[in-house]
């Protein structure tokens, strides 16, 4: 059996995009060249690797088995190349794709990534921001190298490593009735109009945990910036990470509602797929912001 590294690269790219044309565009190849390469690989492996639905290509069971193995082969080859280059030029080279839920991706990682690429300018980092459930699914599909979330993950194929703690707070407009109340009760919160993140968000998950299902959203929004604008406009109150509203609190556009009876501390987590090869560059990046040993 003789298949090439290029065939594996084309296979992985098609699996990531689920479209032949998009894979060809990324690889700067013609669609026919990609199709021929895939057909040759499938013939060499004695069967199809995708289920074809019109123009969409979805991995079948054989393809799902091959994908992590192909990724590991490509990752180890990149590691060899990077090691040899580093040995000659003392330069770390790699491409890393990070998936992060919105609070981490928008408010925590940019400064860390900026520092890292300043020290290692030959490392290319892509950051994908989504909610916790989206990040977990992308990691399971091998479209990202590492995930960072603020919710929980129970997928058996993923290693979950605690990272650091985050504080959630309740916020309201200064003119909101609860902003003027000295002792806020649980019944006040149950009766309030809530502006919340969508289902699948780590913040929403923690909110529902502490509120025990007793508070329902008046309005659901897909990002924290929209939530802050809605709260400032007096549409309702919300629960957000304190990291995301520091400037708004200082500017007194919103106020924090004091609710000492609620435990609003949560954990940030780093996720790794158990079958995904960890490059030297990825390990160095992770050690920039966590003491864990890989």
C-alpha atoms as a PDB file:
ATOM      1  CA  UNK A   1       0.000   0.000   0.000  1.00  0.00           C
ATOM      2  CA  UNK A   2       1.513   3.301  -1.105  1.00  0.00           C
ATOM      3  CA  UNK A   3      -0.265   6.549  -0.366  1.00  0.00           C
ATOM      4  CA  UNK A   4       1.344   9.963  -0.203  1.00  0.00           C
ATOM      5  CA  UNK A   5       1.492  12.742   2.371  1.00  0.00           C
ATOM      6  CA  UNK A   6      -0.258  14.982  -0.164  1.00  0.00           C
ATOM      7  CA  UNK A   7      -3.157  12.532  -0.370  1.00  0.00           C
ATOM      8  CA  UNK A   8      -3.539  12.599   3.414  1.00  0.00           C
ATOM      9  CA  UNK A   9      -3.381  16.400   3.428  1.00  0.00           C
ATOM     10  CA  UNK A  10      -6.118  16.592   0.790  1.00  0.00           C
ATOM     11  CA  UNK A  11      -8.227  14.049   2.679  1.00  0.00           C
ATOM     12  CA  UNK A  12      -7.945  16.027   5.947  1.00  0.00           C
ATOM     13  CA  UNK A  13      -8.780  19.322   4.221  1.00  0.00           C
ATOM     14  CA  UNK A  14     -11.864  17.831   2.561  1.00  0.00           C
ATOM     15  CA  UNK A  15     -12.941  16.392   5.922  1.00  0.00           C
ATOM     16  CA  UNK A  16     -12.584  19.810   7.557  1.00  0.00           C
ATOM     17  CA  UNK A  17     -14.541  21.712   4.895  1.00  0.00           C
ATOM     18  CA  UNK A  18     -16.975  18.948   3.906  1.00  0.00           C
ATOM     19  CA  UNK A  19     -16.837  20.394   0.377  1.00  0.00           C
ATOM     20  CA  UNK A  20     -14.460  19.517  -2.436  1.00  0.00           C
ATOM     21  CA  UNK A  21     -14.430  23.030  -3.895  1.00  0.00           C
ATOM     22  CA  UNK A  22     -13.582  24.706  -0.568  1.00  0.00           C
ATOM     23  CA  UNK A  23     -10.808  22.200   0.094  1.00  0.00           C
ATOM     24  CA  UNK A  24      -9.368  22.794  -3.379  1.00  0.00           C
ATOM     25  CA  UNK A  25      -9.448  26.558  -2.813  1.00  0.00           C
ATOM     26  CA  UNK A  26      -7.576  26.278   0.488  1.00  0.00           C
ATOM     27  CA  UNK A  27      -4.938  23.998  -1.032  1.00  0.00           C
ATOM     28  CA  UNK A  28      -4.610  26.107  -4.208  1.00  0.00           C
ATOM     29  CA  UNK A  29      -5.457  23.076  -6.344  1.00  0.00           C
ATOM     30  CA  UNK A  30      -8.103  22.435  -8.963  1.00  0.00           C
ATOM     31  CA  UNK A  31     -11.238  20.645  -7.860  1.00  0.00           C
ATOM     32  CA  UNK A  32     -10.500  17.818 -10.290  1.00  0.00           C
ATOM     33  CA  UNK A  33      -7.007  17.359  -8.803  1.00  0.00           C
ATOM     34  CA  UNK A  34      -8.487  17.046  -5.302  1.00  0.00           C
ATOM     35  CA  UNK A  35     -11.169  14.652  -6.512  1.00  0.00           C
ATOM     36  CA  UNK A  36      -8.617  12.462  -8.309  1.00  0.00           C
ATOM     37  CA  UNK A  37      -6.371  12.381  -5.235  1.00  0.00           C
ATOM     38  CA  UNK A  38      -9.286  11.327  -3.006  1.00  0.00           C
ATOM     39  CA  UNK A  39     -10.407   8.646  -5.454  1.00  0.00           C
ATOM     40  CA  UNK A  40      -6.883   7.235  -5.608  1.00  0.00           C
ATOM     41  CA  UNK A  41      -6.620   7.189  -1.808  1.00  0.00           C
ATOM     42  CA  UNK A  42     -10.003   5.468  -1.471  1.00  0.00           C
ATOM     43  CA  UNK A  43      -8.962   2.844  -4.030  1.00  0.00           C
ATOM     44  CA  UNK A  44      -5.705   2.243  -2.149  1.00  0.00           C
ATOM     45  CA  UNK A  45      -7.634   1.848   1.124  1.00  0.00           C
ATOM     46  CA  UNK A  46     -10.192  -0.489  -0.472  1.00  0.00           C
ATOM     47  CA  UNK A  47     -13.299   1.598  -0.012  1.00  0.00           C
ATOM     48  CA  UNK A  48     -14.949   5.033   0.283  1.00  0.00           C
ATOM     49  CA  UNK A  49     -14.107   7.419   3.099  1.00  0.00           C
ATOM     50  CA  UNK A  50     -17.024   9.829   2.700  1.00  0.00           C
ATOM     51  CA  UNK A  51     -20.790   9.746   2.351  1.00  0.00           C
ATOM     52  CA  UNK A  52     -21.773  12.012  -0.530  1.00  0.00           C
ATOM     53  CA  UNK A  53     -24.867  14.234  -0.147  1.00  0.00           C
ATOM     54  CA  UNK A  54     -24.962  16.366  -3.255  1.00  0.00           C
ATOM     55  CA  UNK A  55     -21.870  18.557  -3.073  1.00  0.00           C
ATOM     56  CA  UNK A  56     -21.380  17.878   0.628  1.00  0.00           C
ATOM     57  CA  UNK A  57     -18.905  15.211   1.745  1.00  0.00           C
ATOM     58  CA  UNK A  58     -19.377  13.717   5.215  1.00  0.00           C
ATOM     59  CA  UNK A  59     -16.976  11.220   6.754  1.00  0.00           C
ATOM     60  CA  UNK A  60     -18.272   7.674   6.929  1.00  0.00           C
ATOM     61  CA  UNK A  61     -17.149   5.281   9.684  1.00  0.00           C
ATOM     62  CA  UNK A  62     -13.958   4.359   7.817  1.00  0.00           C
ATOM     63  CA  UNK A  63     -13.169   8.037   7.280  1.00  0.00           C
ATOM     64  CA  UNK A  64     -13.741   8.803  10.971  1.00  0.00           C
ATOM     65  CA  UNK A  65     -11.209   6.115  11.859  1.00  0.00           C
ATOM     66  CA  UNK A  66      -8.669   7.465   9.363  1.00  0.00           C
ATOM     67  CA  UNK A  67      -8.968  11.171  10.255  1.00  0.00           C
ATOM     68  CA  UNK A  68      -7.153  11.201  13.653  1.00  0.00           C
ATOM     69  CA  UNK A  69      -4.468   8.881  12.294  1.00  0.00           C
ATOM     70  CA  UNK A  70      -3.914  11.105   9.249  1.00  0.00           C
ATOM     71  CA  UNK A  71      -3.808  14.214  11.445  1.00  0.00           C
ATOM     72  CA  UNK A  72      -1.240  12.622  13.728  1.00  0.00           C
ATOM     73  CA  UNK A  73       0.960  11.629  10.775  1.00  0.00           C
ATOM     74  CA  UNK A  74       0.803  15.172   9.379  1.00  0.00           C
ATOM     75  CA  UNK A  75       1.378  16.654  12.824  1.00  0.00           C
ATOM     76  CA  UNK A  76       4.448  14.547  13.450  1.00  0.00           C
ATOM     77  CA  UNK A  77       5.862  15.408  10.022  1.00  0.00           C
ATOM     78  CA  UNK A  78       5.360  19.115  10.761  1.00  0.00           C
ATOM     79  CA  UNK A  79       7.064  18.558  14.109  1.00  0.00           C
ATOM     80  CA  UNK A  80      10.069  16.976  12.397  1.00  0.00           C
ATOM     81  CA  UNK A  81      10.282  19.872   9.958  1.00  0.00           C
ATOM     82  CA  UNK A  82       9.898  22.442  12.740  1.00  0.00           C
ATOM     83  CA  UNK A  83      12.537  20.703  14.880  1.00  0.00           C
ATOM     84  CA  UNK A  84      15.044  20.671  12.044  1.00  0.00           C
ATOM     85  CA  UNK A  85      14.315  24.312  11.216  1.00  0.00           C
ATOM     86  CA  UNK A  86      14.554  25.301  14.872  1.00  0.00           C
ATOM     87  CA  UNK A  87      17.868  23.519  15.171  1.00  0.00           C
ATOM     88  CA  UNK A  88      19.351  25.517  12.304  1.00  0.00           C
ATOM     89  CA  UNK A  89      17.658  28.879  12.760  1.00  0.00           C
ATOM     90  CA  UNK A  90      16.578  28.818  16.418  1.00  0.00           C
ATOM     91  CA  UNK A  91      13.054  29.681  15.224  1.00  0.00           C
ATOM     92  CA  UNK A  92       9.853  27.916  16.269  1.00  0.00           C
ATOM     93  CA  UNK A  93       7.496  27.365  13.324  1.00  0.00           C
ATOM     94  CA  UNK A  94       3.981  25.935  13.397  1.00  0.00           C
ATOM     95  CA  UNK A  95       0.292  26.559  12.755  1.00  0.00           C
ATOM     96  CA  UNK A  96      -2.101  26.325  15.710  1.00  0.00           C
ATOM     97  CA  UNK A  97      -5.887  26.644  15.657  1.00  0.00           C
ATOM     98  CA  UNK A  98      -7.476  27.521  18.990  1.00  0.00           C
ATOM     99  CA  UNK A  99     -11.187  27.270  19.677  1.00  0.00           C
ATOM    100  CA  UNK A 100     -12.385  29.402  22.578  1.00  0.00           C
ATOM    101  CA  UNK A 101     -15.755  30.213  24.049  1.00  0.00           C
ATOM    102  CA  UNK A 102     -16.647  33.874  23.845  1.00  0.00           C
ATOM    103  CA  UNK A 103     -15.479  35.241  27.209  1.00  0.00           C
ATOM    104  CA  UNK A 104     -12.072  33.560  26.880  1.00  0.00           C
ATOM    105  CA  UNK A 105     -11.699  34.224  23.160  1.00  0.00           C
ATOM    106  CA  UNK A 106     -12.680  37.878  23.272  1.00  0.00           C
ATOM    107  CA  UNK A 107     -11.318  39.005  26.637  1.00  0.00           C
ATOM    108  CA  UNK A 108      -8.547  36.636  27.802  1.00  0.00           C
ATOM    109  CA  UNK A 109      -6.669  35.144  24.869  1.00  0.00           C
ATOM    110  CA  UNK A 110      -5.859  38.146  22.627  1.00  0.00           C
ATOM    111  CA  UNK A 111      -3.187  39.524  24.977  1.00  0.00           C
ATOM    112  CA  UNK A 112      -1.693  36.062  25.574  1.00  0.00           C
ATOM    113  CA  UNK A 113      -1.593  35.254  21.863  1.00  0.00           C
ATOM    114  CA  UNK A 114      -0.098  38.671  21.113  1.00  0.00           C
ATOM    115  CA  UNK A 115       2.742  38.095  23.561  1.00  0.00           C
ATOM    116  CA  UNK A 116       3.379  34.596  22.214  1.00  0.00           C
ATOM    117  CA  UNK A 117       3.567  35.556  18.531  1.00  0.00           C
ATOM    118  CA  UNK A 118       5.814  38.488  19.402  1.00  0.00           C
ATOM    119  CA  UNK A 119       8.258  35.959  20.871  1.00  0.00           C
ATOM    120  CA  UNK A 120       7.623  33.378  18.118  1.00  0.00           C
ATOM    121  CA  UNK A 121       6.761  35.329  14.933  1.00  0.00           C
ATOM    122  CA  UNK A 122       6.946  32.230  12.716  1.00  0.00           C
ATOM    123  CA  UNK A 123       4.055  30.569  14.573  1.00  0.00           C
ATOM    124  CA  UNK A 124       0.686  31.225  12.932  1.00  0.00           C
ATOM    125  CA  UNK A 125      -2.278  31.150  15.312  1.00  0.00           C
ATOM    126  CA  UNK A 126      -5.917  31.068  14.271  1.00  0.00           C
ATOM    127  CA  UNK A 127      -8.546  31.812  16.898  1.00  0.00           C
ATOM    128  CA  UNK A 128     -12.121  30.577  16.448  1.00  0.00           C
ATOM    129  CA  UNK A 129     -14.665  31.996  18.896  1.00  0.00           C
ATOM    130  CA  UNK A 130     -17.977  30.247  19.594  1.00  0.00           C
ATOM    131  CA  UNK A 131     -20.019  28.973  22.482  1.00  0.00           C
ATOM    132  CA  UNK A 132     -18.915  26.063  24.649  1.00  0.00           C
ATOM    133  CA  UNK A 133     -20.897  23.424  22.735  1.00  0.00           C
ATOM    134  CA  UNK A 134     -19.543  24.630  19.375  1.00  0.00           C
ATOM    135  CA  UNK A 135     -15.960  24.409  20.646  1.00  0.00           C
ATOM    136  CA  UNK A 136     -16.494  20.859  21.915  1.00  0.00           C
ATOM    137  CA  UNK A 137     -17.962  19.782  18.575  1.00  0.00           C
ATOM    138  CA  UNK A 138     -15.097  21.386  16.618  1.00  0.00           C
ATOM    139  CA  UNK A 139     -12.564  19.584  18.791  1.00  0.00           C
ATOM    140  CA  UNK A 140     -14.357  16.275  18.223  1.00  0.00           C
ATOM    141  CA  UNK A 141     -14.237  16.934  14.460  1.00  0.00           C
ATOM    142  CA  UNK A 142     -10.491  17.748  14.674  1.00  0.00           C
ATOM    143  CA  UNK A 143     -10.948  21.205  13.132  1.00  0.00           C
ATOM    144  CA  UNK A 144      -9.142  22.836  16.078  1.00  0.00           C
ATOM    145  CA  UNK A 145      -5.990  21.834  17.986  1.00  0.00           C
ATOM    146  CA  UNK A 146      -7.082  22.887  21.469  1.00  0.00           C
ATOM    147  CA  UNK A 147     -10.261  24.170  23.075  1.00  0.00           C
ATOM    148  CA  UNK A 148     -10.778  26.630  25.921  1.00  0.00           C
ATOM    149  CA  UNK A 149     -14.217  26.803  27.459  1.00  0.00           C
ATOM    150  CA  UNK A 150     -16.131  28.231  30.396  1.00  0.00           C
ATOM    151  CA  UNK A 151     -18.744  25.461  30.533  1.00  0.00           C
ATOM    152  CA  UNK A 152     -18.564  21.742  31.208  1.00  0.00           C
ATOM    153  CA  UNK A 153     -17.533  18.938  28.874  1.00  0.00           C
ATOM    154  CA  UNK A 154     -18.328  15.260  29.330  1.00  0.00           C
ATOM    155  CA  UNK A 155     -17.236  13.917  25.929  1.00  0.00           C
ATOM    156  CA  UNK A 156     -15.269  10.690  26.568  1.00  0.00           C
ATOM    157  CA  UNK A 157     -12.781  11.405  23.746  1.00  0.00           C
ATOM    158  CA  UNK A 158     -11.696  14.729  25.272  1.00  0.00           C
ATOM    159  CA  UNK A 159      -9.252  15.381  28.103  1.00  0.00           C
ATOM    160  CA  UNK A 160     -10.515  18.228  30.310  1.00  0.00           C
ATOM    161  CA  UNK A 161      -7.892  20.187  32.265  1.00  0.00           C
ATOM    162  CA  UNK A 162      -8.950  22.837  34.849  1.00  0.00           C
ATOM    163  CA  UNK A 163      -7.298  26.166  34.079  1.00  0.00           C
ATOM    164  CA  UNK A 164      -8.371  29.134  36.229  1.00  0.00           C
ATOM    165  CA  UNK A 165     -11.413  30.591  37.955  1.00  0.00           C
ATOM    166  CA  UNK A 166     -13.736  33.290  36.637  1.00  0.00           C
ATOM    167  CA  UNK A 167     -16.268  35.429  38.476  1.00  0.00           C
ATOM    168  CA  UNK A 168     -19.742  36.005  37.094  1.00  0.00           C
ATOM    169  CA  UNK A 169     -21.765  38.997  38.245  1.00  0.00           C
ATOM    170  CA  UNK A 170     -25.311  40.262  37.791  1.00  0.00           C
ATOM    171  CA  UNK A 171     -25.604  43.605  36.014  1.00  0.00           C
ATOM    172  CA  UNK A 172     -28.315  46.195  35.479  1.00  0.00           C
ATOM    173  CA  UNK A 173     -28.710  49.731  34.200  1.00  0.00           C
ATOM    174  CA  UNK A 174     -28.256  52.410  36.909  1.00  0.00           C
ATOM    175  CA  UNK A 175     -31.921  53.333  36.457  1.00  0.00           C
ATOM    176  CA  UNK A 176     -33.185  49.779  36.961  1.00  0.00           C
ATOM    177  CA  UNK A 177     -35.312  49.306  40.137  1.00  0.00           C
ATOM    178  CA  UNK A 178     -33.027  46.537  41.447  1.00  0.00           C
ATOM    179  CA  UNK A 179     -30.033  48.893  41.208  1.00  0.00           C
ATOM    180  CA  UNK A 180     -31.586  51.001  43.933  1.00  0.00           C
ATOM    181  CA  UNK A 181     -32.550  48.122  46.211  1.00  0.00           C
ATOM    182  CA  UNK A 182     -30.209  47.442  49.143  1.00  0.00           C
ATOM    183  CA  UNK A 183     -31.207  43.835  49.837  1.00  0.00           C
ATOM    184  CA  UNK A 184     -32.050  41.867  46.726  1.00  0.00           C
ATOM    185  CA  UNK A 185     -34.031  38.678  47.302  1.00  0.00           C
ATOM    186  CA  UNK A 186     -34.257  35.496  45.250  1.00  0.00           C
ATOM    187  CA  UNK A 187     -37.878  36.356  44.467  1.00  0.00           C
ATOM    188  CA  UNK A 188     -36.680  39.653  42.941  1.00  0.00           C
ATOM    189  CA  UNK A 189     -34.414  37.701  40.599  1.00  0.00           C
ATOM    190  CA  UNK A 190     -37.106  35.178  39.702  1.00  0.00           C
ATOM    191  CA  UNK A 191     -39.464  37.991  38.691  1.00  0.00           C
ATOM    192  CA  UNK A 192     -36.891  40.038  36.761  1.00  0.00           C
ATOM    193  CA  UNK A 193     -36.615  40.312  32.991  1.00  0.00           C
ATOM    194  CA  UNK A 194     -33.408  38.524  32.027  1.00  0.00           C
ATOM    195  CA  UNK A 195     -31.227  39.177  28.977  1.00  0.00           C
ATOM    196  CA  UNK A 196     -29.130  36.045  28.531  1.00  0.00           C
ATOM    197  CA  UNK A 197     -26.745  34.191  26.246  1.00  0.00           C
ATOM    198  CA  UNK A 198     -28.077  31.379  24.073  1.00  0.00           C
ATOM    199  CA  UNK A 199     -28.305  27.718  25.068  1.00  0.00           C
ATOM    200  CA  UNK A 200     -24.893  26.034  24.706  1.00  0.00           C
ATOM    201  CA  UNK A 201     -23.092  28.997  26.270  1.00  0.00           C
ATOM    202  CA  UNK A 202     -20.989  28.328  29.388  1.00  0.00           C
ATOM    203  CA  UNK A 203     -22.320  31.499  31.003  1.00  0.00           C
ATOM    204  CA  UNK A 204     -25.901  30.401  30.394  1.00  0.00           C
ATOM    205  CA  UNK A 205     -25.118  26.956  31.813  1.00  0.00           C
ATOM    206  CA  UNK A 206     -23.730  28.416  35.050  1.00  0.00           C
ATOM    207  CA  UNK A 207     -26.630  30.865  35.329  1.00  0.00           C
ATOM    208  CA  UNK A 208     -29.192  28.066  35.048  1.00  0.00           C
ATOM    209  CA  UNK A 209     -27.276  26.051  37.629  1.00  0.00           C
ATOM    210  CA  UNK A 210     -27.290  28.784  40.284  1.00  0.00           C
ATOM    211  CA  UNK A 211     -30.852  29.915  39.525  1.00  0.00           C
ATOM    212  CA  UNK A 212     -32.114  26.322  39.654  1.00  0.00           C
ATOM    213  CA  UNK A 213     -34.348  26.850  36.651  1.00  0.00           C
ATOM    214  CA  UNK A 214     -36.399  29.549  38.390  1.00  0.00           C
ATOM    215  CA  UNK A 215     -35.529  32.413  36.012  1.00  0.00           C
ATOM    216  CA  UNK A 216     -36.389  32.404  32.308  1.00  0.00           C
ATOM    217  CA  UNK A 217     -34.896  34.638  29.602  1.00  0.00           C
ATOM    218  CA  UNK A 218     -36.903  37.635  28.423  1.00  0.00           C
ATOM    219  CA  UNK A 219     -34.397  38.048  25.598  1.00  0.00           C
ATOM    220  CA  UNK A 220     -31.652  35.723  24.256  1.00  0.00           C
ATOM    221  CA  UNK A 221     -28.638  37.207  22.476  1.00  0.00           C
ATOM    222  CA  UNK A 222     -25.640  35.534  20.840  1.00  0.00           C
ATOM    223  CA  UNK A 223     -22.821  37.652  22.249  1.00  0.00           C
ATOM    224  CA  UNK A 224     -21.861  39.600  25.347  1.00  0.00           C
ATOM    225  CA  UNK A 225     -21.540  42.969  23.604  1.00  0.00           C
ATOM    226  CA  UNK A 226     -25.184  42.821  22.533  1.00  0.00           C
ATOM    227  CA  UNK A 227     -26.176  41.843  26.066  1.00  0.00           C
ATOM    228  CA  UNK A 228     -24.317  44.831  27.538  1.00  0.00           C
ATOM    229  CA  UNK A 229     -26.080  47.202  25.137  1.00  0.00           C
ATOM    230  CA  UNK A 230     -29.471  45.698  25.981  1.00  0.00           C
ATOM    231  CA  UNK A 231     -28.850  46.018  29.728  1.00  0.00           C
ATOM    232  CA  UNK A 232     -27.582  49.600  29.388  1.00  0.00           C
ATOM    233  CA  UNK A 233     -30.789  50.391  27.492  1.00  0.00           C
ATOM    234  CA  UNK A 234     -32.850  49.130  30.416  1.00  0.00           C
ATOM    235  CA  UNK A 235     -34.322  46.066  28.698  1.00  0.00           C
ATOM    236  CA  UNK A 236     -33.482  43.817  31.639  1.00  0.00           C
ATOM    237  CA  UNK A 237     -30.730  42.458  33.862  1.00  0.00           C
ATOM    238  CA  UNK A 238     -28.104  39.883  33.003  1.00  0.00           C
ATOM    239  CA  UNK A 239     -25.403  37.529  34.247  1.00  0.00           C
ATOM    240  CA  UNK A 240     -21.966  37.965  32.650  1.00  0.00           C
ATOM    241  CA  UNK A 241     -18.293  37.470  33.379  1.00  0.00           C
ATOM    242  CA  UNK A 242     -16.863  40.408  35.316  1.00  0.00           C
ATOM    243  CA  UNK A 243     -13.951  40.387  32.845  1.00  0.00           C
ATOM    244  CA  UNK A 244     -16.304  41.520  30.091  1.00  0.00           C
ATOM    245  CA  UNK A 245     -17.769  44.581  31.827  1.00  0.00           C
ATOM    246  CA  UNK A 246     -14.891  46.176  33.750  1.00  0.00           C
ATOM    247  CA  UNK A 247     -14.847  49.277  31.509  1.00  0.00           C
ATOM    248  CA  UNK A 248     -18.648  49.585  31.575  1.00  0.00           C
ATOM    249  CA  UNK A 249     -18.668  49.442  35.379  1.00  0.00           C
ATOM    250  CA  UNK A 250     -15.948  52.091  35.607  1.00  0.00           C
ATOM    251  CA  UNK A 251     -17.896  54.331  33.219  1.00  0.00           C
ATOM    252  CA  UNK A 252     -21.023  53.743  35.357  1.00  0.00           C
ATOM    253  CA  UNK A 253     -23.011  52.696  32.294  1.00  0.00           C
ATOM    254  CA  UNK A 254     -24.065  49.615  34.254  1.00  0.00           C
ATOM    255  CA  UNK A 255     -23.935  48.596  37.912  1.00  0.00           C
ATOM    256  CA  UNK A 256     -23.267  45.320  39.672  1.00  0.00           C
ATOM    257  CA  UNK A 257     -26.153  43.839  41.649  1.00  0.00           C
ATOM    258  CA  UNK A 258     -24.923  42.418  44.962  1.00  0.00           C
ATOM    259  CA  UNK A 259     -26.226  38.889  45.486  1.00  0.00           C
ATOM    260  CA  UNK A 260     -23.989  37.190  48.096  1.00  0.00           C
ATOM    261  CA  UNK A 261     -26.394  34.242  48.353  1.00  0.00           C
ATOM    262  CA  UNK A 262     -25.431  33.089  44.818  1.00  0.00           C
ATOM    263  CA  UNK A 263     -22.221  31.191  44.075  1.00  0.00           C
ATOM    264  CA  UNK A 264     -21.197  32.745  40.758  1.00  0.00           C
ATOM    265  CA  UNK A 265     -17.615  31.480  40.595  1.00  0.00           C
ATOM    266  CA  UNK A 266     -16.891  29.121  37.731  1.00  0.00           C
ATOM    267  CA  UNK A 267     -13.940  27.275  36.209  1.00  0.00           C
ATOM    268  CA  UNK A 268     -12.251  27.780  32.859  1.00  0.00           C
ATOM    269  CA  UNK A 269     -11.068  24.565  31.181  1.00  0.00           C
ATOM    270  CA  UNK A 270      -8.561  23.578  28.507  1.00  0.00           C
ATOM    271  CA  UNK A 271      -9.627  20.731  26.221  1.00  0.00           C
ATOM    272  CA  UNK A 272      -7.497  18.298  24.216  1.00  0.00           C
ATOM    273  CA  UNK A 273      -8.687  15.502  21.949  1.00  0.00           C
ATOM    274  CA  UNK A 274      -7.164  12.284  23.260  1.00  0.00           C
ATOM    275  CA  UNK A 275      -6.170  11.184  19.754  1.00  0.00           C
ATOM    276  CA  UNK A 276      -4.692  14.530  18.636  1.00  0.00           C
ATOM    277  CA  UNK A 277      -0.917  14.891  18.457  1.00  0.00           C
ATOM    278  CA  UNK A 278       0.412  17.828  20.528  1.00  0.00           C
ATOM    279  CA  UNK A 279       3.222  19.705  18.803  1.00  0.00           C
ATOM    280  CA  UNK A 280       6.055  21.445  20.605  1.00  0.00           C
ATOM    281  CA  UNK A 281       4.597  24.809  19.590  1.00  0.00           C
ATOM    282  CA  UNK A 282       1.209  23.932  21.097  1.00  0.00           C
ATOM    283  CA  UNK A 283       2.830  22.811  24.351  1.00  0.00           C
ATOM    284  CA  UNK A 284       4.821  26.036  24.559  1.00  0.00           C
ATOM    285  CA  UNK A 285       1.719  28.118  23.930  1.00  0.00           C
ATOM    286  CA  UNK A 286      -0.285  26.331  26.630  1.00  0.00           C
ATOM    287  CA  UNK A 287       2.533  26.834  29.149  1.00  0.00           C
ATOM    288  CA  UNK A 288       2.274  30.590  28.584  1.00  0.00           C
ATOM    289  CA  UNK A 289      -0.899  30.698  30.640  1.00  0.00           C
ATOM    290  CA  UNK A 290      -1.114  27.546  32.703  1.00  0.00           C
ATOM    291  CA  UNK A 291       1.210  25.556  34.981  1.00  0.00           C
ATOM    292  CA  UNK A 292      -0.066  22.188  33.719  1.00  0.00           C
ATOM    293  CA  UNK A 293       2.517  19.764  32.339  1.00  0.00           C
ATOM    294  CA  UNK A 294       1.622  18.070  29.045  1.00  0.00           C
END
